[in-house]
Amino acid sequence: MVVDRKEQGATRQIILQLLRHRGQMTAIELSKALDIGAVGVRQHLTLLERDGLVCIKGLRRSVGRPSHLYVLTSEAEHYFPKNYDHLADDLLTYIAEEWGEEGVTKVLNLRRKALLQKYEPQLKGRKRSEQVVELTKLLIEQGYMCEFEQLADGSFFIIEHNCPIGSVAQTHPQLCGQEIMLYEHLLNVPIERDAKIIDGSLFCRYHIPAENV
């Protein structure tokens, strides 16, 4: 496998794929698989270590100097295709077929209550502005590509430029209702959503009232 050395990102992706297939490899083994020099491979491995995608598990002892064994970290799993959206969609569809839409709502209510219990301690008792900042951080961690904006009247917009549950919400729009209910419970205030990605908008946007002084 010959790789153009200028395609640095592509080379590192191939290293990740090789480690995913073989479990653990030395720099020399990677060098042979990639048909590039061991020095170049070690430079890529150093960058992958820096990014938290690979780590040294141990040593392989053979004739000559022992070689480090490189393995993927759990963080590297995010770089490989997953099928979670289809799985979630299928499960909710099966629930609807077996127990109707009430069954779907019941399951989603349980999920929302679990998320509320998880996140509420981080927002409870804070000022509205602090709550908005913290909720935005939590949403970013969940993959929402989120930001907030404070308006002249003291109210806020939370804007989601990506919806990690969007493909499932297309067939199970109850998820969108659960989402705004969760935000309302976390902030303890009614919220208005004036744009939705699944309706064709470029973002989902939530208007949060100013805190009463």
N, C-alpha and C. Protein backbone atom coordinates (compact mmCIF):
# COMPACT_ATOMS: atom_id res chain seq x y z
N MET A 1 0.86 -1.19 0.00
CA MET A 1 0.00 0.00 0.00
C MET A 1 0.89 1.24 0.00
N VAL A 2 0.96 1.95 -1.09
CA VAL A 2 1.80 3.13 -1.20
C VAL A 2 0.95 4.37 -0.93
N VAL A 3 1.43 5.21 -0.03
CA VAL A 3 0.66 6.39 0.35
C VAL A 3 1.50 7.63 0.09
N ASP A 4 0.94 8.60 -0.59
CA ASP A 4 1.61 9.88 -0.81
C ASP A 4 1.86 10.54 0.54
N ARG A 5 3.12 10.86 0.81
CA ARG A 5 3.47 11.41 2.13
C ARG A 5 2.83 12.76 2.39
N LYS A 6 2.37 13.44 1.34
CA LYS A 6 1.71 14.73 1.52
C LYS A 6 0.32 14.56 2.13
N GLU A 7 -0.25 13.39 1.97
CA GLU A 7 -1.60 13.16 2.48
C GLU A 7 -1.50 12.71 3.93
N GLN A 8 -1.10 13.64 4.79
CA GLN A 8 -0.83 13.31 6.18
C GLN A 8 -2.07 12.76 6.90
N GLY A 9 -3.18 13.44 6.72
CA GLY A 9 -4.40 12.99 7.39
C GLY A 9 -4.82 11.61 6.93
N ALA A 10 -4.68 11.34 5.62
CA ALA A 10 -5.06 10.05 5.08
C ALA A 10 -4.16 8.95 5.63
N THR A 11 -2.88 9.23 5.78
CA THR A 11 -1.95 8.24 6.32
C THR A 11 -2.31 7.88 7.75
N ARG A 12 -2.64 8.88 8.55
CA ARG A 12 -3.01 8.60 9.94
C ARG A 12 -4.32 7.82 10.01
N GLN A 13 -5.24 8.10 9.10
CA GLN A 13 -6.49 7.35 9.07
C GLN A 13 -6.22 5.87 8.74
N ILE A 14 -5.29 5.62 7.83
CA ILE A 14 -4.94 4.25 7.47
C ILE A 14 -4.28 3.54 8.66
N ILE A 15 -3.44 4.28 9.41
CA ILE A 15 -2.83 3.70 10.61
C ILE A 15 -3.92 3.28 11.59
N LEU A 16 -4.91 4.13 11.79
CA LEU A 16 -6.02 3.79 12.67
C LEU A 16 -6.76 2.54 12.18
N GLN A 17 -6.96 2.44 10.87
CA GLN A 17 -7.65 1.28 10.31
C GLN A 17 -6.84 0.00 10.50
N LEU A 18 -5.53 0.10 10.30
CA LEU A 18 -4.68 -1.07 10.49
C LEU A 18 -4.71 -1.55 11.94
N LEU A 19 -4.63 -0.61 12.87
CA LEU A 19 -4.68 -0.98 14.29
C LEU A 19 -6.05 -1.54 14.67
N ARG A 20 -7.09 -1.03 14.00
CA ARG A 20 -8.44 -1.55 14.27
C ARG A 20 -8.56 -3.00 13.81
N HIS A 21 -7.93 -3.33 12.68
CA HIS A 21 -8.00 -4.69 12.16
C HIS A 21 -7.11 -5.66 12.94
N ARG A 22 -5.91 -5.20 13.30
CA ARG A 22 -4.92 -6.12 13.86
C ARG A 22 -4.77 -6.03 15.38
N GLY A 23 -5.36 -5.02 15.97
CA GLY A 23 -5.33 -4.92 17.43
C GLY A 23 -4.13 -4.18 17.97
N GLN A 24 -2.93 -4.63 17.62
CA GLN A 24 -1.73 -3.96 18.08
C GLN A 24 -0.62 -4.20 17.06
N MET A 25 0.20 -3.18 16.86
CA MET A 25 1.29 -3.27 15.88
C MET A 25 2.45 -2.42 16.34
N THR A 26 3.65 -2.78 15.87
CA THR A 26 4.82 -1.96 16.12
C THR A 26 4.96 -0.95 14.99
N ALA A 27 5.84 0.03 15.20
CA ALA A 27 6.10 1.03 14.16
C ALA A 27 6.69 0.36 12.92
N ILE A 28 7.53 -0.65 13.12
CA ILE A 28 8.13 -1.35 11.99
C ILE A 28 7.06 -2.08 11.18
N GLU A 29 6.13 -2.72 11.87
CA GLU A 29 5.06 -3.42 11.17
C GLU A 29 4.18 -2.46 10.39
N LEU A 30 3.90 -1.32 10.99
CA LEU A 30 3.12 -0.30 10.30
C LEU A 30 3.88 0.25 9.10
N SER A 31 5.18 0.43 9.27
CA SER A 31 6.01 0.92 8.18
C SER A 31 5.95 -0.01 6.98
N LYS A 32 6.04 -1.32 7.23
CA LYS A 32 5.97 -2.29 6.14
C LYS A 32 4.59 -2.30 5.49
N ALA A 33 3.54 -2.21 6.30
CA ALA A 33 2.17 -2.23 5.76
C ALA A 33 1.88 -1.00 4.91
N LEU A 34 2.45 0.14 5.31
CA LEU A 34 2.20 1.40 4.61
C LEU A 34 3.20 1.66 3.49
N ASP A 35 4.32 0.91 3.52
CA ASP A 35 5.40 1.10 2.56
C ASP A 35 5.98 2.51 2.64
N ILE A 36 6.13 3.00 3.88
CA ILE A 36 6.82 4.26 4.13
C ILE A 36 7.82 4.04 5.25
N GLY A 37 8.76 4.95 5.41
CA GLY A 37 9.82 4.80 6.38
C GLY A 37 9.34 4.76 7.82
N ALA A 38 10.09 4.05 8.65
CA ALA A 38 9.72 3.93 10.06
C ALA A 38 9.75 5.28 10.77
N VAL A 39 10.68 6.15 10.36
CA VAL A 39 10.75 7.49 10.98
C VAL A 39 9.45 8.26 10.71
N GLY A 40 8.96 8.19 9.46
CA GLY A 40 7.71 8.86 9.13
C GLY A 40 6.53 8.28 9.89
N VAL A 41 6.51 6.95 10.03
CA VAL A 41 5.43 6.30 10.78
C VAL A 41 5.44 6.77 12.23
N ARG A 42 6.64 6.85 12.81
CA ARG A 42 6.73 7.27 14.21
C ARG A 42 6.26 8.71 14.39
N GLN A 43 6.49 9.54 13.39
CA GLN A 43 5.99 10.92 13.46
C GLN A 43 4.46 10.94 13.49
N HIS A 44 3.86 10.10 12.64
CA HIS A 44 2.39 10.00 12.64
C HIS A 44 1.89 9.46 13.98
N LEU A 45 2.58 8.44 14.51
CA LEU A 45 2.16 7.86 15.79
C LEU A 45 2.28 8.87 16.92
N THR A 46 3.29 9.72 16.87
CA THR A 46 3.44 10.76 17.88
C THR A 46 2.25 11.71 17.86
N LEU A 47 1.81 12.09 16.66
CA LEU A 47 0.65 12.97 16.54
C LEU A 47 -0.62 12.28 16.98
N LEU A 48 -0.75 11.01 16.66
CA LEU A 48 -1.94 10.25 17.08
C LEU A 48 -1.96 10.08 18.60
N GLU A 49 -0.78 9.90 19.20
CA GLU A 49 -0.69 9.85 20.67
C GLU A 49 -1.10 11.19 21.26
N ARG A 50 -0.60 12.26 20.67
CA ARG A 50 -0.94 13.60 21.16
C ARG A 50 -2.44 13.84 21.15
N ASP A 51 -3.11 13.34 20.11
CA ASP A 51 -4.55 13.52 19.97
C ASP A 51 -5.35 12.50 20.77
N GLY A 52 -4.66 11.63 21.48
CA GLY A 52 -5.35 10.66 22.33
C GLY A 52 -6.00 9.51 21.59
N LEU A 53 -5.52 9.22 20.36
CA LEU A 53 -6.14 8.19 19.54
C LEU A 53 -5.40 6.86 19.60
N VAL A 54 -4.11 6.89 19.90
CA VAL A 54 -3.34 5.66 20.09
C VAL A 54 -2.51 5.79 21.36
N CYS A 55 -2.11 4.65 21.90
CA CYS A 55 -1.23 4.65 23.06
C CYS A 55 -0.32 3.42 22.98
N ILE A 56 0.73 3.43 23.77
CA ILE A 56 1.65 2.30 23.83
C ILE A 56 1.16 1.32 24.88
N LYS A 57 0.93 0.08 24.46
CA LYS A 57 0.41 -0.93 25.38
C LYS A 57 1.52 -1.70 26.06
N GLY A 58 2.61 -1.96 25.36
CA GLY A 58 3.70 -2.74 25.93
C GLY A 58 4.83 -2.86 24.95
N LEU A 59 5.63 -3.89 25.11
CA LEU A 59 6.79 -4.11 24.27
C LEU A 59 6.70 -5.47 23.59
N ARG A 60 7.20 -5.55 22.38
CA ARG A 60 7.38 -6.83 21.70
C ARG A 60 8.87 -7.09 21.65
N ARG A 61 9.30 -8.15 22.32
CA ARG A 61 10.72 -8.48 22.38
C ARG A 61 11.07 -9.49 21.31
N SER A 62 12.08 -9.17 20.54
CA SER A 62 12.58 -10.08 19.51
C SER A 62 14.08 -9.83 19.38
N VAL A 63 14.66 -10.32 18.31
CA VAL A 63 16.08 -10.08 18.09
C VAL A 63 16.33 -8.58 17.94
N GLY A 64 17.27 -8.06 18.68
CA GLY A 64 17.54 -6.63 18.62
C GLY A 64 16.79 -5.87 19.69
N ARG A 65 16.57 -4.60 19.44
CA ARG A 65 15.93 -3.73 20.43
C ARG A 65 14.43 -4.01 20.52
N PRO A 66 13.86 -4.09 21.73
CA PRO A 66 12.40 -4.29 21.86
C PRO A 66 11.62 -3.17 21.17
N SER A 67 10.45 -3.48 20.65
CA SER A 67 9.62 -2.51 19.93
C SER A 67 8.34 -2.22 20.70
N HIS A 68 7.95 -0.94 20.70
CA HIS A 68 6.69 -0.56 21.33
C HIS A 68 5.51 -1.12 20.55
N LEU A 69 4.50 -1.56 21.27
CA LEU A 69 3.25 -2.01 20.66
C LEU A 69 2.23 -0.88 20.77
N TYR A 70 1.68 -0.47 19.63
CA TYR A 70 0.69 0.61 19.60
C TYR A 70 -0.71 0.02 19.46
N VAL A 71 -1.64 0.58 20.22
CA VAL A 71 -3.04 0.16 20.16
C VAL A 71 -3.93 1.39 20.11
N LEU A 72 -5.18 1.20 19.70
CA LEU A 72 -6.15 2.29 19.69
C LEU A 72 -6.65 2.57 21.09
N THR A 73 -6.97 3.81 21.36
CA THR A 73 -7.65 4.18 22.60
C THR A 73 -9.17 4.13 22.37
N SER A 74 -9.92 4.24 23.44
CA SER A 74 -11.39 4.26 23.30
C SER A 74 -11.84 5.48 22.52
N GLU A 75 -11.09 6.57 22.59
CA GLU A 75 -11.45 7.79 21.86
C GLU A 75 -11.42 7.56 20.35
N ALA A 76 -10.56 6.66 19.89
CA ALA A 76 -10.43 6.40 18.46
C ALA A 76 -11.67 5.74 17.87
N GLU A 77 -12.50 5.15 18.72
CA GLU A 77 -13.72 4.49 18.23
C GLU A 77 -14.63 5.46 17.50
N HIS A 78 -14.54 6.75 17.83
CA HIS A 78 -15.39 7.75 17.18
C HIS A 78 -15.04 7.93 15.70
N TYR A 79 -13.90 7.42 15.28
CA TYR A 79 -13.45 7.59 13.90
C TYR A 79 -13.90 6.45 12.99
N PHE A 80 -14.66 5.52 13.54
CA PHE A 80 -15.11 4.39 12.73
C PHE A 80 -16.62 4.43 12.60
N PRO A 81 -17.13 4.01 11.44
CA PRO A 81 -18.58 4.09 11.19
C PRO A 81 -19.39 3.32 12.22
N LYS A 82 -20.48 3.92 12.64
CA LYS A 82 -21.41 3.28 13.57
C LYS A 82 -22.80 3.26 12.93
N ASN A 83 -23.65 2.43 13.46
CA ASN A 83 -24.99 2.30 12.91
C ASN A 83 -26.04 2.58 13.97
N TYR A 84 -25.68 3.44 14.93
CA TYR A 84 -26.57 3.69 16.06
C TYR A 84 -27.91 4.30 15.63
N ASP A 85 -27.86 5.20 14.63
CA ASP A 85 -29.09 5.85 14.19
C ASP A 85 -30.10 4.83 13.69
N HIS A 86 -29.64 3.91 12.84
CA HIS A 86 -30.55 2.90 12.31
C HIS A 86 -31.05 1.97 13.41
N LEU A 87 -30.18 1.65 14.35
CA LEU A 87 -30.59 0.78 15.46
C LEU A 87 -31.67 1.46 16.29
N ALA A 88 -31.45 2.73 16.66
CA ALA A 88 -32.44 3.46 17.45
C ALA A 88 -33.76 3.59 16.70
N ASP A 89 -33.67 3.91 15.42
CA ASP A 89 -34.87 4.03 14.59
C ASP A 89 -35.64 2.73 14.54
N ASP A 90 -34.92 1.62 14.33
CA ASP A 90 -35.56 0.31 14.26
C ASP A 90 -36.23 -0.04 15.59
N LEU A 91 -35.53 0.21 16.70
CA LEU A 91 -36.09 -0.13 18.01
C LEU A 91 -37.37 0.64 18.29
N LEU A 92 -37.36 1.94 17.99
CA LEU A 92 -38.58 2.73 18.21
C LEU A 92 -39.71 2.29 17.29
N THR A 93 -39.36 1.90 16.07
CA THR A 93 -40.38 1.39 15.14
C THR A 93 -40.99 0.10 15.66
N TYR A 94 -40.15 -0.80 16.16
CA TYR A 94 -40.66 -2.06 16.71
C TYR A 94 -41.55 -1.82 17.93
N ILE A 95 -41.14 -0.86 18.78
CA ILE A 95 -41.96 -0.52 19.95
C ILE A 95 -43.32 0.00 19.51
N ALA A 96 -43.32 0.87 18.48
CA ALA A 96 -44.58 1.42 17.98
C ALA A 96 -45.47 0.32 17.40
N GLU A 97 -44.88 -0.64 16.69
CA GLU A 97 -45.66 -1.72 16.10
C GLU A 97 -46.23 -2.65 17.17
N GLU A 98 -45.49 -2.83 18.25
CA GLU A 98 -45.91 -3.76 19.29
C GLU A 98 -46.83 -3.12 20.32
N TRP A 99 -46.52 -1.88 20.72
CA TRP A 99 -47.26 -1.23 21.80
C TRP A 99 -47.85 0.11 21.42
N GLY A 100 -47.78 0.48 20.15
CA GLY A 100 -48.36 1.74 19.69
C GLY A 100 -47.50 2.94 20.04
N GLU A 101 -47.97 4.11 19.62
CA GLU A 101 -47.22 5.34 19.88
C GLU A 101 -47.13 5.65 21.37
N GLU A 102 -48.10 5.13 22.15
CA GLU A 102 -48.02 5.33 23.60
C GLU A 102 -46.79 4.64 24.17
N GLY A 103 -46.45 3.50 23.60
CA GLY A 103 -45.26 2.79 24.04
C GLY A 103 -44.00 3.57 23.73
N VAL A 104 -43.95 4.18 22.54
CA VAL A 104 -42.80 5.01 22.17
C VAL A 104 -42.68 6.19 23.12
N THR A 105 -43.80 6.84 23.39
CA THR A 105 -43.80 7.99 24.29
C THR A 105 -43.32 7.59 25.68
N LYS A 106 -43.75 6.44 26.15
CA LYS A 106 -43.35 5.98 27.48
C LYS A 106 -41.85 5.77 27.55
N VAL A 107 -41.28 5.14 26.53
CA VAL A 107 -39.83 4.90 26.50
C VAL A 107 -39.07 6.23 26.45
N LEU A 108 -39.55 7.15 25.61
CA LEU A 108 -38.86 8.44 25.48
C LEU A 108 -38.99 9.27 26.76
N ASN A 109 -40.12 9.13 27.46
CA ASN A 109 -40.27 9.80 28.75
C ASN A 109 -39.24 9.30 29.76
N LEU A 110 -39.02 7.99 29.74
CA LEU A 110 -38.02 7.41 30.65
C LEU A 110 -36.63 7.94 30.32
N ARG A 111 -36.33 8.05 29.02
CA ARG A 111 -35.03 8.60 28.61
C ARG A 111 -34.88 10.05 29.06
N ARG A 112 -35.95 10.84 28.86
CA ARG A 112 -35.88 12.26 29.24
C ARG A 112 -35.69 12.41 30.76
N LYS A 113 -36.38 11.60 31.53
CA LYS A 113 -36.25 11.68 32.98
C LYS A 113 -34.85 11.29 33.44
N ALA A 114 -34.26 10.32 32.75
CA ALA A 114 -32.89 9.92 33.09
C ALA A 114 -31.91 11.04 32.78
N LEU A 115 -32.09 11.71 31.63
CA LEU A 115 -31.23 12.84 31.27
C LEU A 115 -31.42 14.00 32.24
N LEU A 116 -32.65 14.24 32.64
CA LEU A 116 -32.93 15.31 33.60
C LEU A 116 -32.21 15.04 34.92
N GLN A 117 -32.29 13.82 35.37
CA GLN A 117 -31.63 13.46 36.63
C GLN A 117 -30.11 13.61 36.51
N LYS A 118 -29.58 13.33 35.34
CA LYS A 118 -28.14 13.41 35.11
C LYS A 118 -27.65 14.85 35.07
N TYR A 119 -28.41 15.74 34.38
CA TYR A 119 -27.93 17.09 34.12
C TYR A 119 -28.42 18.13 35.13
N GLU A 120 -29.53 17.89 35.78
CA GLU A 120 -30.13 18.90 36.64
C GLU A 120 -29.20 19.42 37.73
N PRO A 121 -28.41 18.55 38.37
CA PRO A 121 -27.52 19.07 39.42
C PRO A 121 -26.52 20.11 38.92
N GLN A 122 -26.20 20.10 37.63
CA GLN A 122 -25.23 21.05 37.09
C GLN A 122 -25.86 22.41 36.80
N LEU A 123 -27.19 22.49 36.76
CA LEU A 123 -27.87 23.75 36.45
C LEU A 123 -28.69 24.30 37.61
N LYS A 124 -29.10 23.44 38.50
CA LYS A 124 -30.03 23.84 39.55
C LYS A 124 -29.41 24.91 40.45
N GLY A 125 -30.21 25.95 40.73
CA GLY A 125 -29.78 27.00 41.65
C GLY A 125 -28.92 28.08 41.03
N ARG A 126 -28.63 27.97 39.74
CA ARG A 126 -27.80 28.98 39.07
C ARG A 126 -28.67 30.08 38.45
N LYS A 127 -28.01 31.21 38.14
CA LYS A 127 -28.69 32.27 37.41
C LYS A 127 -28.97 31.80 35.99
N ARG A 128 -29.97 32.43 35.37
CA ARG A 128 -30.37 32.02 34.03
C ARG A 128 -29.19 32.05 33.05
N SER A 129 -28.40 33.10 33.11
CA SER A 129 -27.27 33.20 32.18
C SER A 129 -26.29 32.05 32.37
N GLU A 130 -26.05 31.68 33.63
CA GLU A 130 -25.14 30.58 33.92
C GLU A 130 -25.73 29.25 33.45
N GLN A 131 -27.03 29.11 33.60
CA GLN A 131 -27.70 27.90 33.15
C GLN A 131 -27.59 27.74 31.63
N VAL A 132 -27.77 28.84 30.93
CA VAL A 132 -27.69 28.80 29.47
C VAL A 132 -26.28 28.40 29.02
N VAL A 133 -25.28 28.96 29.67
CA VAL A 133 -23.89 28.63 29.34
C VAL A 133 -23.65 27.14 29.59
N GLU A 134 -24.09 26.64 30.74
CA GLU A 134 -23.85 25.24 31.09
C GLU A 134 -24.62 24.30 30.18
N LEU A 135 -25.86 24.63 29.85
CA LEU A 135 -26.65 23.79 28.95
C LEU A 135 -26.00 23.73 27.57
N THR A 136 -25.50 24.86 27.11
CA THR A 136 -24.81 24.89 25.82
C THR A 136 -23.61 23.96 25.83
N LYS A 137 -22.84 23.98 26.92
CA LYS A 137 -21.68 23.09 27.03
C LYS A 137 -22.12 21.62 26.99
N LEU A 138 -23.18 21.31 27.71
CA LEU A 138 -23.66 19.93 27.75
C LEU A 138 -24.11 19.46 26.36
N LEU A 139 -24.76 20.36 25.64
CA LEU A 139 -25.23 20.01 24.29
C LEU A 139 -24.06 19.83 23.33
N ILE A 140 -23.04 20.66 23.47
CA ILE A 140 -21.85 20.51 22.63
C ILE A 140 -21.22 19.14 22.86
N GLU A 141 -21.16 18.72 24.11
CA GLU A 141 -20.61 17.40 24.44
C GLU A 141 -21.40 16.27 23.80
N GLN A 142 -22.69 16.53 23.56
CA GLN A 142 -23.56 15.52 22.93
C GLN A 142 -23.55 15.61 21.41
N GLY A 143 -22.75 16.51 20.84
CA GLY A 143 -22.62 16.59 19.40
C GLY A 143 -23.56 17.56 18.71
N TYR A 144 -24.11 18.53 19.44
CA TYR A 144 -25.10 19.42 18.86
C TYR A 144 -24.51 20.63 18.12
N MET A 145 -23.19 20.85 18.17
CA MET A 145 -22.60 22.03 17.54
C MET A 145 -23.41 23.26 17.92
N CYS A 146 -23.40 23.55 19.19
CA CYS A 146 -24.34 24.49 19.79
C CYS A 146 -23.66 25.80 20.18
N GLU A 147 -24.44 26.87 20.16
CA GLU A 147 -23.98 28.17 20.65
C GLU A 147 -25.17 28.91 21.23
N PHE A 148 -24.89 29.95 22.03
CA PHE A 148 -25.97 30.76 22.57
C PHE A 148 -25.72 32.23 22.26
N GLU A 149 -26.80 32.98 22.33
CA GLU A 149 -26.74 34.43 22.05
C GLU A 149 -27.68 35.13 23.01
N GLN A 150 -27.20 36.18 23.66
CA GLN A 150 -28.06 36.96 24.54
C GLN A 150 -28.60 38.16 23.78
N LEU A 151 -29.90 38.37 23.86
CA LEU A 151 -30.55 39.46 23.15
C LEU A 151 -30.61 40.71 24.01
N ALA A 152 -31.00 41.81 23.38
CA ALA A 152 -31.01 43.10 24.07
C ALA A 152 -31.96 43.11 25.27
N ASP A 153 -33.03 42.33 25.18
CA ASP A 153 -34.01 42.31 26.28
C ASP A 153 -33.62 41.36 27.40
N GLY A 154 -32.45 40.77 27.31
CA GLY A 154 -31.99 39.86 28.36
C GLY A 154 -32.35 38.40 28.12
N SER A 155 -33.15 38.14 27.10
CA SER A 155 -33.48 36.75 26.78
C SER A 155 -32.34 36.12 25.97
N PHE A 156 -32.48 34.84 25.67
CA PHE A 156 -31.40 34.12 25.01
C PHE A 156 -31.93 33.29 23.84
N PHE A 157 -31.06 33.07 22.88
CA PHE A 157 -31.23 32.03 21.88
C PHE A 157 -30.20 30.95 22.14
N ILE A 158 -30.62 29.69 22.11
CA ILE A 158 -29.70 28.57 21.99
C ILE A 158 -29.89 28.02 20.59
N ILE A 159 -28.80 27.94 19.85
CA ILE A 159 -28.86 27.55 18.44
C ILE A 159 -28.05 26.28 18.24
N GLU A 160 -28.70 25.25 17.70
CA GLU A 160 -28.05 23.97 17.42
C GLU A 160 -27.83 23.84 15.91
N HIS A 161 -26.58 23.81 15.50
CA HIS A 161 -26.26 23.72 14.08
C HIS A 161 -26.18 22.27 13.59
N ASN A 162 -26.22 21.35 14.52
CA ASN A 162 -26.24 19.93 14.17
C ASN A 162 -27.13 19.21 15.16
N CYS A 163 -27.91 18.25 14.67
CA CYS A 163 -28.77 17.46 15.55
C CYS A 163 -28.34 16.00 15.46
N PRO A 164 -27.69 15.46 16.50
CA PRO A 164 -27.21 14.08 16.45
C PRO A 164 -28.33 13.05 16.43
N ILE A 165 -29.56 13.46 16.74
CA ILE A 165 -30.70 12.53 16.70
C ILE A 165 -31.62 12.86 15.52
N GLY A 166 -31.15 13.72 14.62
CA GLY A 166 -32.01 14.21 13.54
C GLY A 166 -32.56 13.13 12.63
N SER A 167 -31.72 12.15 12.27
CA SER A 167 -32.19 11.12 11.34
C SER A 167 -33.27 10.25 11.98
N VAL A 168 -33.18 10.03 13.28
CA VAL A 168 -34.22 9.25 13.98
C VAL A 168 -35.48 10.11 14.17
N ALA A 169 -35.28 11.39 14.44
CA ALA A 169 -36.42 12.29 14.65
C ALA A 169 -37.26 12.45 13.39
N GLN A 170 -36.67 12.21 12.21
CA GLN A 170 -37.44 12.30 10.97
C GLN A 170 -38.61 11.33 10.99
N THR A 171 -38.40 10.14 11.52
CA THR A 171 -39.47 9.14 11.57
C THR A 171 -40.16 9.08 12.93
N HIS A 172 -39.50 9.65 13.94
CA HIS A 172 -40.10 9.65 15.29
C HIS A 172 -40.01 11.07 15.85
N PRO A 173 -40.87 11.98 15.36
CA PRO A 173 -40.78 13.39 15.76
C PRO A 173 -41.04 13.63 17.24
N GLN A 174 -41.52 12.60 17.96
CA GLN A 174 -41.68 12.76 19.41
C GLN A 174 -40.37 13.15 20.08
N LEU A 175 -39.26 12.76 19.45
CA LEU A 175 -37.95 13.11 20.02
C LEU A 175 -37.77 14.62 20.13
N CYS A 176 -38.28 15.35 19.15
CA CYS A 176 -38.16 16.82 19.20
C CYS A 176 -38.97 17.38 20.37
N GLY A 177 -40.14 16.82 20.60
CA GLY A 177 -40.95 17.25 21.74
C GLY A 177 -40.27 16.94 23.06
N GLN A 178 -39.64 15.77 23.14
CA GLN A 178 -38.92 15.39 24.35
C GLN A 178 -37.74 16.33 24.61
N GLU A 179 -37.11 16.76 23.53
CA GLU A 179 -35.95 17.62 23.65
C GLU A 179 -36.32 18.96 24.29
N ILE A 180 -37.37 19.60 23.79
CA ILE A 180 -37.73 20.91 24.34
C ILE A 180 -38.28 20.76 25.75
N MET A 181 -38.96 19.65 26.05
CA MET A 181 -39.43 19.41 27.42
C MET A 181 -38.25 19.29 28.38
N LEU A 182 -37.19 18.61 27.94
CA LEU A 182 -36.01 18.46 28.78
C LEU A 182 -35.40 19.82 29.09
N TYR A 183 -35.26 20.66 28.06
CA TYR A 183 -34.68 21.98 28.27
C TYR A 183 -35.54 22.82 29.21
N GLU A 184 -36.85 22.73 29.06
CA GLU A 184 -37.75 23.49 29.93
C GLU A 184 -37.62 23.05 31.37
N HIS A 185 -37.50 21.76 31.59
CA HIS A 185 -37.37 21.26 32.95
C HIS A 185 -36.02 21.63 33.55
N LEU A 186 -34.99 21.60 32.73
CA LEU A 186 -33.66 21.95 33.23
C LEU A 186 -33.56 23.42 33.60
N LEU A 187 -34.19 24.28 32.79
CA LEU A 187 -34.13 25.72 33.03
C LEU A 187 -35.30 26.24 33.85
N ASN A 188 -36.31 25.38 34.02
CA ASN A 188 -37.51 25.72 34.79
C ASN A 188 -38.20 26.97 34.24
N VAL A 189 -38.37 26.98 32.90
CA VAL A 189 -39.01 28.11 32.24
C VAL A 189 -39.58 27.65 30.90
N PRO A 190 -40.72 28.20 30.45
CA PRO A 190 -41.23 27.84 29.12
C PRO A 190 -40.27 28.30 28.03
N ILE A 191 -40.09 27.48 27.00
CA ILE A 191 -39.17 27.78 25.91
C ILE A 191 -39.91 27.69 24.58
N GLU A 192 -39.58 28.59 23.66
CA GLU A 192 -40.18 28.57 22.32
C GLU A 192 -39.12 28.14 21.30
N ARG A 193 -39.47 27.19 20.46
CA ARG A 193 -38.57 26.77 19.38
C ARG A 193 -39.14 27.34 18.08
N ASP A 194 -38.34 28.16 17.39
CA ASP A 194 -38.84 28.81 16.17
C ASP A 194 -38.18 28.29 14.89
N ALA A 195 -37.32 27.28 15.01
CA ALA A 195 -36.70 26.69 13.81
C ALA A 195 -36.29 25.26 14.14
N LYS A 196 -36.46 24.36 13.16
CA LYS A 196 -36.11 22.96 13.36
C LYS A 196 -35.38 22.44 12.13
N ILE A 197 -34.32 21.70 12.36
CA ILE A 197 -33.55 21.12 11.26
C ILE A 197 -34.40 20.15 10.47
N ILE A 198 -35.20 19.34 11.14
CA ILE A 198 -35.98 18.32 10.42
C ILE A 198 -37.08 18.95 9.57
N ASP A 199 -37.37 20.25 9.78
CA ASP A 199 -38.34 20.95 8.94
C ASP A 199 -37.67 21.68 7.78
N GLY A 200 -36.36 21.51 7.65
CA GLY A 200 -35.65 22.13 6.55
C GLY A 200 -34.79 23.32 6.92
N SER A 201 -34.83 23.74 8.18
CA SER A 201 -33.98 24.85 8.60
C SER A 201 -32.53 24.40 8.70
N LEU A 202 -31.62 25.35 8.68
CA LEU A 202 -30.21 25.04 8.85
C LEU A 202 -29.84 24.79 10.31
N PHE A 203 -30.77 25.08 11.22
CA PHE A 203 -30.49 24.93 12.64
C PHE A 203 -31.79 24.76 13.40
N CYS A 204 -31.67 24.30 14.65
CA CYS A 204 -32.77 24.36 15.61
C CYS A 204 -32.48 25.53 16.54
N ARG A 205 -33.51 26.36 16.78
CA ARG A 205 -33.28 27.53 17.63
C ARG A 205 -34.35 27.62 18.71
N TYR A 206 -33.88 27.86 19.94
CA TYR A 206 -34.75 27.94 21.11
C TYR A 206 -34.65 29.32 21.74
N HIS A 207 -35.80 29.92 21.99
CA HIS A 207 -35.83 31.23 22.64
C HIS A 207 -36.13 31.03 24.12
N ILE A 208 -35.24 31.54 24.94
CA ILE A 208 -35.34 31.36 26.40
C ILE A 208 -35.57 32.73 27.03
N PRO A 209 -36.64 32.89 27.78
CA PRO A 209 -36.95 34.20 28.36
C PRO A 209 -35.87 34.70 29.29
N ALA A 210 -35.83 36.02 29.44
CA ALA A 210 -34.89 36.62 30.40
C ALA A 210 -35.30 36.26 31.81
N GLU A 211 -34.35 36.27 32.70
CA GLU A 211 -34.64 35.96 34.09
C GLU A 211 -35.32 37.15 34.75
N ASN A 212 -36.38 36.88 35.51
CA ASN A 212 -37.06 37.95 36.22
C ASN A 212 -36.18 38.44 37.37
N VAL A 213 -36.01 39.74 37.45
CA VAL A 213 -35.17 40.33 38.50
C VAL A 213 -36.06 40.78 39.65
